[in-house]
Amino acid sequence: RTEPLYIYGPPKIAEYIETSRKVLDMYINYPVVVKEITAPCVVHGGDGFYIRAFPLEHTKTCVGYTLEELDRPGEFSPEKAKELNVPMGPLWGKLQQGISVTSGDGKTIMPEQVLGPSRSGRKFSYVTDTLYRSSIADEVRGSDLLICEGMFEDALIDQAREKKHMTASQAATIARDADVRRMAMIHYSPRYTDKELAVLLEQARKIYPHAELTKDRMHFDIPYID
């Protein structure tokens, strides 16, 4: 490897990495760039998506993340391509990739001439550990899937505040206010058995009907809307 390795994390992550490197006597022959997140920022952009990080409020420093795809090209219209004398084949593929081509009669055909309106990409958000803050909804707004902590039931809201965690209802409030398509809760208090987790789900669904509970090794598909 020769290209730099970029590591993003909460304050003190640079100290942690450097201490680990020294203790383990690690030899690294490529640049390591460590950036500490103290304010909302984009930590990766390119490859058709970007990742945004934002500080959370907990007893220890924590960071939330969103991964959002860029808008996709609009739907390709074979009828319009034929009308513009673009033969079916590789040229159609180029137009769908956003590349202009030359038609059979020598005219330059732009992608927008054969593509519909651009289509939204998908958005995934991950939030834990944190005290409830209404501003979190602004960061995760419009997510297709929000993974969010929901540690306590409503009766333990004082304990949630003290330990800087959220109740299931607070997680649901964020999901509702952020207009997310789907929200799945994680990081439950160990006080709850599997059966008792139903209380958290019931309270969350009173506010946000699409709430779900997660479990180990669970997989989620995030389909495109169109």
C-alpha atoms as a PDB file:
ATOM      1  CA  ARG A   1       0.000   0.000   0.000  1.00  0.00           C
ATOM      2  CA  THR A   2       1.188   3.497  -0.829  1.00  0.00           C
ATOM      3  CA  GLU A   3      -1.909   5.697  -0.687  1.00  0.00           C
ATOM      4  CA  PRO A   4      -2.748   7.418   2.620  1.00  0.00           C
ATOM      5  CA  LEU A   5      -5.058   5.801   5.157  1.00  0.00           C
ATOM      6  CA  TYR A   6      -7.608   8.310   6.451  1.00  0.00           C
ATOM      7  CA  ILE A   7      -9.044   7.725   9.915  1.00  0.00           C
ATOM      8  CA  TYR A   8     -11.896   9.844  11.257  1.00  0.00           C
ATOM      9  CA  GLY A   9     -13.118   9.699  14.821  1.00  0.00           C
ATOM     10  CA  PRO A  10     -13.959  11.626  17.984  1.00  0.00           C
ATOM     11  CA  PRO A  11     -11.469  13.831  19.844  1.00  0.00           C
ATOM     12  CA  LYS A  12      -8.504  11.879  21.269  1.00  0.00           C
ATOM     13  CA  ILE A  13      -8.648   9.297  18.473  1.00  0.00           C
ATOM     14  CA  ALA A  14      -5.261  10.539  17.241  1.00  0.00           C
ATOM     15  CA  GLU A  15      -3.739   9.988  20.684  1.00  0.00           C
ATOM     16  CA  TYR A  16      -5.278   6.518  20.864  1.00  0.00           C
ATOM     17  CA  ILE A  17      -3.920   5.480  17.478  1.00  0.00           C
ATOM     18  CA  GLU A  18      -0.451   6.828  18.164  1.00  0.00           C
ATOM     19  CA  THR A  19      -0.312   5.107  21.572  1.00  0.00           C
ATOM     20  CA  SER A  20      -1.461   1.816  20.024  1.00  0.00           C
ATOM     21  CA  ARG A  21       1.177   2.111  17.318  1.00  0.00           C
ATOM     22  CA  LYS A  22       3.930   2.635  19.889  1.00  0.00           C
ATOM     23  CA  VAL A  23       2.775  -0.111  22.279  1.00  0.00           C
ATOM     24  CA  LEU A  24       2.432  -2.645  19.456  1.00  0.00           C
ATOM     25  CA  ASP A  25       5.654  -1.450  17.820  1.00  0.00           C
ATOM     26  CA  MET A  26       3.846  -1.185  14.493  1.00  0.00           C
ATOM     27  CA  TYR A  27       5.754  -0.344  11.332  1.00  0.00           C
ATOM     28  CA  ILE A  28       3.578   1.497   8.822  1.00  0.00           C
ATOM     29  CA  ASN A  29       5.092   2.314   5.447  1.00  0.00           C
ATOM     30  CA  TYR A  30       2.276   4.537   4.189  1.00  0.00           C
ATOM     31  CA  PRO A  31       0.865   7.844   5.433  1.00  0.00           C
ATOM     32  CA  VAL A  32      -1.809   7.730   8.143  1.00  0.00           C
ATOM     33  CA  VAL A  33      -3.962  10.847   8.317  1.00  0.00           C
ATOM     34  CA  VAL A  34      -6.060  11.139  11.475  1.00  0.00           C
ATOM     35  CA  LYS A  35      -8.811  13.742  11.687  1.00  0.00           C
ATOM     36  CA  GLU A  36     -10.766  14.378  14.862  1.00  0.00           C
ATOM     37  CA  ILE A  37     -14.435  15.264  14.494  1.00  0.00           C
ATOM     38  CA  THR A  38     -15.479  18.237  16.608  1.00  0.00           C
ATOM     39  CA  ALA A  39     -18.194  19.622  14.316  1.00  0.00           C
ATOM     40  CA  PRO A  40     -20.431  18.222  11.562  1.00  0.00           C
ATOM     41  CA  CYS A  41     -18.358  17.547   8.464  1.00  0.00           C
ATOM     42  CA  VAL A  42     -18.071  15.380   5.354  1.00  0.00           C
ATOM     43  CA  VAL A  43     -15.447  12.693   5.973  1.00  0.00           C
ATOM     44  CA  HIS A  44     -15.653  11.021   2.574  1.00  0.00           C
ATOM     45  CA  GLY A  45     -16.826  12.158  -0.824  1.00  0.00           C
ATOM     46  CA  GLY A  46     -16.574  10.278  -4.085  1.00  0.00           C
ATOM     47  CA  ASP A  47     -17.450   6.907  -5.587  1.00  0.00           C
ATOM     48  CA  GLY A  48     -21.060   8.022  -5.954  1.00  0.00           C
ATOM     49  CA  PHE A  49     -21.709   8.724  -2.270  1.00  0.00           C
ATOM     50  CA  TYR A  50     -20.525  10.749   0.687  1.00  0.00           C
ATOM     51  CA  ILE A  51     -20.284  10.146   4.431  1.00  0.00           C
ATOM     52  CA  ARG A  52     -21.079  12.880   6.917  1.00  0.00           C
ATOM     53  CA  ALA A  53     -20.156  12.739  10.604  1.00  0.00           C
ATOM     54  CA  PHE A  54     -21.631  14.754  13.461  1.00  0.00           C
ATOM     55  CA  PRO A  55     -20.838  14.860  17.201  1.00  0.00           C
ATOM     56  CA  LEU A  56     -23.292  13.328  19.667  1.00  0.00           C
ATOM     57  CA  GLU A  57     -23.723  14.054  23.367  1.00  0.00           C
ATOM     58  CA  HIS A  58     -22.778  11.242  25.726  1.00  0.00           C
ATOM     59  CA  THR A  59     -20.686  10.617  28.833  1.00  0.00           C
ATOM     60  CA  LYS A  60     -17.892   9.732  26.412  1.00  0.00           C
ATOM     61  CA  THR A  61     -17.278  11.303  23.040  1.00  0.00           C
ATOM     62  CA  CYS A  62     -19.418   9.691  20.348  1.00  0.00           C
ATOM     63  CA  VAL A  63     -20.086  10.414  16.693  1.00  0.00           C
ATOM     64  CA  GLY A  64     -23.079   9.759  14.448  1.00  0.00           C
ATOM     65  CA  TYR A  65     -22.831   9.089  10.719  1.00  0.00           C
ATOM     66  CA  THR A  66     -24.910   9.366   7.577  1.00  0.00           C
ATOM     67  CA  LEU A  67     -24.067   7.747   4.250  1.00  0.00           C
ATOM     68  CA  GLU A  68     -25.872   9.286   1.300  1.00  0.00           C
ATOM     69  CA  GLU A  69     -25.702   8.387  -2.359  1.00  0.00           C
ATOM     70  CA  LEU A  70     -25.592  11.086  -5.009  1.00  0.00           C
ATOM     71  CA  ASP A  71     -28.618  11.521  -7.237  1.00  0.00           C
ATOM     72  CA  ARG A  72     -28.913   8.930  -9.997  1.00  0.00           C
ATOM     73  CA  PRO A  73     -29.525   9.696 -13.668  1.00  0.00           C
ATOM     74  CA  GLY A  74     -33.145   9.821 -14.757  1.00  0.00           C
ATOM     75  CA  GLU A  75     -34.882   6.915 -16.453  1.00  0.00           C
ATOM     76  CA  PHE A  76     -33.673   6.249 -20.001  1.00  0.00           C
ATOM     77  CA  SER A  77     -36.228   6.601 -22.811  1.00  0.00           C
ATOM     78  CA  PRO A  78     -35.564   4.198 -25.720  1.00  0.00           C
ATOM     79  CA  GLU A  79     -38.314   5.936 -27.698  1.00  0.00           C
ATOM     80  CA  LYS A  80     -36.587   9.317 -27.506  1.00  0.00           C
ATOM     81  CA  ALA A  81     -33.245   7.749 -28.425  1.00  0.00           C
ATOM     82  CA  LYS A  82     -34.784   6.191 -31.522  1.00  0.00           C
ATOM     83  CA  GLU A  83     -36.458   9.467 -32.474  1.00  0.00           C
ATOM     84  CA  LEU A  84     -33.049  11.159 -32.301  1.00  0.00           C
ATOM     85  CA  ASN A  85     -31.540   8.475 -34.551  1.00  0.00           C
ATOM     86  CA  VAL A  86     -29.304   6.945 -31.872  1.00  0.00           C
ATOM     87  CA  PRO A  87     -28.912   3.236 -32.689  1.00  0.00           C
ATOM     88  CA  MET A  88     -29.522   0.708 -29.929  1.00  0.00           C
ATOM     89  CA  GLY A  89     -26.268  -0.617 -28.469  1.00  0.00           C
ATOM     90  CA  PRO A  90     -23.212   0.895 -26.742  1.00  0.00           C
ATOM     91  CA  LEU A  91     -24.354   4.468 -27.447  1.00  0.00           C
ATOM     92  CA  TRP A  92     -27.455   3.909 -25.340  1.00  0.00           C
ATOM     93  CA  GLY A  93     -25.247   2.776 -22.484  1.00  0.00           C
ATOM     94  CA  LYS A  94     -23.099   5.916 -22.746  1.00  0.00           C
ATOM     95  CA  LEU A  95     -26.149   8.151 -22.625  1.00  0.00           C
ATOM     96  CA  GLN A  96     -27.342   6.353 -19.491  1.00  0.00           C
ATOM     97  CA  GLN A  97     -23.921   7.028 -17.954  1.00  0.00           C
ATOM     98  CA  GLY A  98     -24.281  10.746 -18.653  1.00  0.00           C
ATOM     99  CA  ILE A  99     -21.994  10.818 -21.699  1.00  0.00           C
ATOM    100  CA  SER A 100     -23.008  12.654 -24.881  1.00  0.00           C
ATOM    101  CA  VAL A 101     -22.885  10.713 -28.172  1.00  0.00           C
ATOM    102  CA  THR A 102     -23.124  11.326 -31.914  1.00  0.00           C
ATOM    103  CA  SER A 103     -26.292  10.161 -33.639  1.00  0.00           C
ATOM    104  CA  GLY A 104     -26.506   8.336 -36.942  1.00  0.00           C
ATOM    105  CA  ASP A 105     -26.976  11.632 -38.771  1.00  0.00           C
ATOM    106  CA  GLY A 106     -23.972  13.294 -37.129  1.00  0.00           C
ATOM    107  CA  LYS A 107     -25.744  15.311 -34.426  1.00  0.00           C
ATOM    108  CA  THR A 108     -24.519  15.545 -30.844  1.00  0.00           C
ATOM    109  CA  ILE A 109     -27.077  14.044 -28.476  1.00  0.00           C
ATOM    110  CA  MET A 110     -26.901  15.099 -24.841  1.00  0.00           C
ATOM    111  CA  PRO A 111     -27.940  12.706 -22.040  1.00  0.00           C
ATOM    112  CA  GLU A 112     -30.686  15.055 -20.841  1.00  0.00           C
ATOM    113  CA  GLN A 113     -32.389  14.659 -24.210  1.00  0.00           C
ATOM    114  CA  VAL A 114     -33.145  11.001 -23.508  1.00  0.00           C
ATOM    115  CA  LEU A 115     -33.205  10.860 -19.697  1.00  0.00           C
ATOM    116  CA  GLY A 116     -36.012  11.772 -17.327  1.00  0.00           C
ATOM    117  CA  PRO A 117     -35.596  13.814 -14.121  1.00  0.00           C
ATOM    118  CA  SER A 118     -32.754  12.729 -11.840  1.00  0.00           C
ATOM    119  CA  ARG A 119     -33.663  10.195  -9.146  1.00  0.00           C
ATOM    120  CA  SER A 120     -32.668  10.359  -5.509  1.00  0.00           C
ATOM    121  CA  GLY A 121     -30.021   8.050  -4.101  1.00  0.00           C
ATOM    122  CA  ARG A 122     -30.399   6.236  -0.784  1.00  0.00           C
ATOM    123  CA  LYS A 123     -29.506   7.542   2.669  1.00  0.00           C
ATOM    124  CA  PHE A 124     -28.463   5.525   5.722  1.00  0.00           C
ATOM    125  CA  SER A 125     -27.928   6.991   9.204  1.00  0.00           C
ATOM    126  CA  TYR A 126     -26.416   5.564  12.392  1.00  0.00           C
ATOM    127  CA  VAL A 127     -26.904   7.221  15.795  1.00  0.00           C
ATOM    128  CA  THR A 128     -25.565   5.942  19.143  1.00  0.00           C
ATOM    129  CA  ASP A 129     -24.645   6.640  22.007  1.00  0.00           C
ATOM    130  CA  THR A 130     -26.328   9.923  22.795  1.00  0.00           C
ATOM    131  CA  LEU A 131     -28.673  12.024  24.839  1.00  0.00           C
ATOM    132  CA  TYR A 132     -31.813  13.084  22.970  1.00  0.00           C
ATOM    133  CA  ARG A 133     -31.322  16.249  20.974  1.00  0.00           C
ATOM    134  CA  SER A 134     -33.882  17.529  18.470  1.00  0.00           C
ATOM    135  CA  SER A 135     -31.005  18.651  16.215  1.00  0.00           C
ATOM    136  CA  ILE A 136     -30.233  14.998  15.427  1.00  0.00           C
ATOM    137  CA  ALA A 137     -33.321  14.981  13.201  1.00  0.00           C
ATOM    138  CA  ASP A 138     -31.700  17.611  10.985  1.00  0.00           C
ATOM    139  CA  GLU A 139     -28.697  15.356  10.400  1.00  0.00           C
ATOM    140  CA  VAL A 140     -30.651  12.192   9.577  1.00  0.00           C
ATOM    141  CA  ARG A 141     -33.496  13.862   7.695  1.00  0.00           C
ATOM    142  CA  GLY A 142     -34.902  11.842   4.811  1.00  0.00           C
ATOM    143  CA  SER A 143     -33.003   8.654   5.660  1.00  0.00           C
ATOM    144  CA  ASP A 144     -34.208   5.461   4.018  1.00  0.00           C
ATOM    145  CA  LEU A 145     -32.957   3.598   7.091  1.00  0.00           C
ATOM    146  CA  LEU A 146     -32.082   5.036  10.497  1.00  0.00           C
ATOM    147  CA  ILE A 147     -30.321   2.817  13.024  1.00  0.00           C
ATOM    148  CA  CYS A 148     -30.812   4.550  16.359  1.00  0.00           C
ATOM    149  CA  GLU A 149     -30.335   3.716  19.995  1.00  0.00           C
ATOM    150  CA  GLY A 150     -33.458   3.237  22.116  1.00  0.00           C
ATOM    151  CA  MET A 151     -32.089   2.143  25.459  1.00  0.00           C
ATOM    152  CA  PHE A 152     -34.899   2.777  27.926  1.00  0.00           C
ATOM    153  CA  GLU A 153     -38.677   2.784  28.274  1.00  0.00           C
ATOM    154  CA  ASP A 154     -40.495   6.026  29.041  1.00  0.00           C
ATOM    155  CA  ALA A 155     -40.694   5.327  32.786  1.00  0.00           C
ATOM    156  CA  LEU A 156     -36.891   5.522  32.956  1.00  0.00           C
ATOM    157  CA  ILE A 157     -36.460   8.841  31.178  1.00  0.00           C
ATOM    158  CA  ASP A 158     -34.656  10.360  34.184  1.00  0.00           C
ATOM    159  CA  GLN A 159     -32.127   7.542  34.082  1.00  0.00           C
ATOM    160  CA  ALA A 160     -31.766   8.059  30.341  1.00  0.00           C
ATOM    161  CA  ARG A 161     -30.933  11.728  30.889  1.00  0.00           C
ATOM    162  CA  GLU A 162     -28.489  10.924  33.678  1.00  0.00           C
ATOM    163  CA  LYS A 163     -26.617   8.352  31.583  1.00  0.00           C
ATOM    164  CA  LYS A 164     -27.022  10.402  28.397  1.00  0.00           C
ATOM    165  CA  HIS A 165     -28.985   7.843  26.458  1.00  0.00           C
ATOM    166  CA  MET A 166     -32.376   7.903  24.738  1.00  0.00           C
ATOM    167  CA  THR A 167     -35.694   6.245  25.363  1.00  0.00           C
ATOM    168  CA  ALA A 168     -37.421   4.331  22.585  1.00  0.00           C
ATOM    169  CA  SER A 169     -39.980   7.135  22.339  1.00  0.00           C
ATOM    170  CA  GLN A 170     -37.233   9.696  21.842  1.00  0.00           C
ATOM    171  CA  ALA A 171     -35.694   7.605  19.067  1.00  0.00           C
ATOM    172  CA  ALA A 172     -39.127   7.402  17.463  1.00  0.00           C
ATOM    173  CA  THR A 173     -39.553  11.167  17.782  1.00  0.00           C
ATOM    174  CA  ILE A 174     -36.341  11.717  15.846  1.00  0.00           C
ATOM    175  CA  ALA A 175     -37.498   9.279  13.161  1.00  0.00           C
ATOM    176  CA  ARG A 176     -40.871  11.010  12.873  1.00  0.00           C
ATOM    177  CA  ASP A 177     -39.478  14.542  12.849  1.00  0.00           C
ATOM    178  CA  ALA A 178     -36.787  13.597  10.324  1.00  0.00           C
ATOM    179  CA  ASP A 179     -39.335  11.945   8.023  1.00  0.00           C
ATOM    180  CA  VAL A 180     -37.275   8.763   7.681  1.00  0.00           C
ATOM    181  CA  ARG A 181     -38.697   5.789   5.812  1.00  0.00           C
ATOM    182  CA  ARG A 182     -37.643   3.175   8.348  1.00  0.00           C
ATOM    183  CA  MET A 183     -36.117   3.185  11.841  1.00  0.00           C
ATOM    184  CA  ALA A 184     -34.572   0.228  13.661  1.00  0.00           C
ATOM    185  CA  MET A 185     -33.523   0.478  17.296  1.00  0.00           C
ATOM    186  CA  ILE A 186     -30.303  -0.834  18.821  1.00  0.00           C
ATOM    187  CA  HIS A 187     -28.406  -0.634  22.108  1.00  0.00           C
ATOM    188  CA  TYR A 188     -31.095  -1.699  24.555  1.00  0.00           C
ATOM    189  CA  SER A 189     -30.471  -1.714  28.286  1.00  0.00           C
ATOM    190  CA  PRO A 190     -29.407  -5.188  29.493  1.00  0.00           C
ATOM    191  CA  ARG A 191     -32.218  -4.968  32.047  1.00  0.00           C
ATOM    192  CA  TYR A 192     -34.669  -6.042  29.320  1.00  0.00           C
ATOM    193  CA  THR A 193     -35.184  -9.655  28.312  1.00  0.00           C
ATOM    194  CA  ASP A 194     -36.080 -10.417  24.711  1.00  0.00           C
ATOM    195  CA  LYS A 195     -39.772 -10.526  25.653  1.00  0.00           C
ATOM    196  CA  GLU A 196     -39.580  -7.274  27.609  1.00  0.00           C
ATOM    197  CA  LEU A 197     -38.189  -5.462  24.573  1.00  0.00           C
ATOM    198  CA  ALA A 198     -41.752  -5.491  23.267  1.00  0.00           C
ATOM    199  CA  VAL A 199     -42.421  -2.581  25.643  1.00  0.00           C
ATOM    200  CA  LEU A 200     -39.834  -0.451  23.850  1.00  0.00           C
ATOM    201  CA  LEU A 201     -41.284  -1.324  20.470  1.00  0.00           C
ATOM    202  CA  GLU A 202     -44.832  -0.567  21.587  1.00  0.00           C
ATOM    203  CA  GLN A 203     -43.858   2.852  22.925  1.00  0.00           C
ATOM    204  CA  ALA A 204     -41.854   3.695  19.812  1.00  0.00           C
ATOM    205  CA  ARG A 205     -44.649   2.705  17.427  1.00  0.00           C
ATOM    206  CA  LYS A 206     -47.110   5.032  19.146  1.00  0.00           C
ATOM    207  CA  ILE A 207     -44.986   7.862  17.760  1.00  0.00           C
ATOM    208  CA  TYR A 208     -43.437   6.289  14.672  1.00  0.00           C
ATOM    209  CA  PRO A 209     -45.344   3.263  13.296  1.00  0.00           C
ATOM    210  CA  HIS A 210     -42.425   1.985  11.194  1.00  0.00           C
ATOM    211  CA  ALA A 211     -40.144   1.366  14.194  1.00  0.00           C
ATOM    212  CA  GLU A 212     -38.417  -2.011  14.446  1.00  0.00           C
ATOM    213  CA  LEU A 213     -36.173  -3.879  16.871  1.00  0.00           C
ATOM    214  CA  THR A 214     -32.818  -5.185  15.712  1.00  0.00           C
ATOM    215  CA  LYS A 215     -31.002  -8.338  16.738  1.00  0.00           C
ATOM    216  CA  ASP A 216     -27.526  -9.742  16.165  1.00  0.00           C
ATOM    217  CA  ARG A 217     -26.614 -10.613  12.569  1.00  0.00           C
ATOM    218  CA  MET A 218     -29.739  -8.942  11.234  1.00  0.00           C
ATOM    219  CA  HIS A 219     -29.571  -7.692   7.639  1.00  0.00           C
ATOM    220  CA  PHE A 220     -31.492  -4.841   6.041  1.00  0.00           C
ATOM    221  CA  ASP A 221     -32.144  -4.210   2.372  1.00  0.00           C
ATOM    222  CA  ILE A 222     -32.500  -0.576   1.370  1.00  0.00           C
ATOM    223  CA  PRO A 223     -34.353  -0.529  -1.953  1.00  0.00           C
ATOM    224  CA  TYR A 224     -34.572   2.481  -4.202  1.00  0.00           C
ATOM    225  CA  ILE A 225     -37.894   4.293  -4.056  1.00  0.00           C
ATOM    226  CA  ASP A 226     -38.268   4.115  -7.849  1.00  0.00           C
END
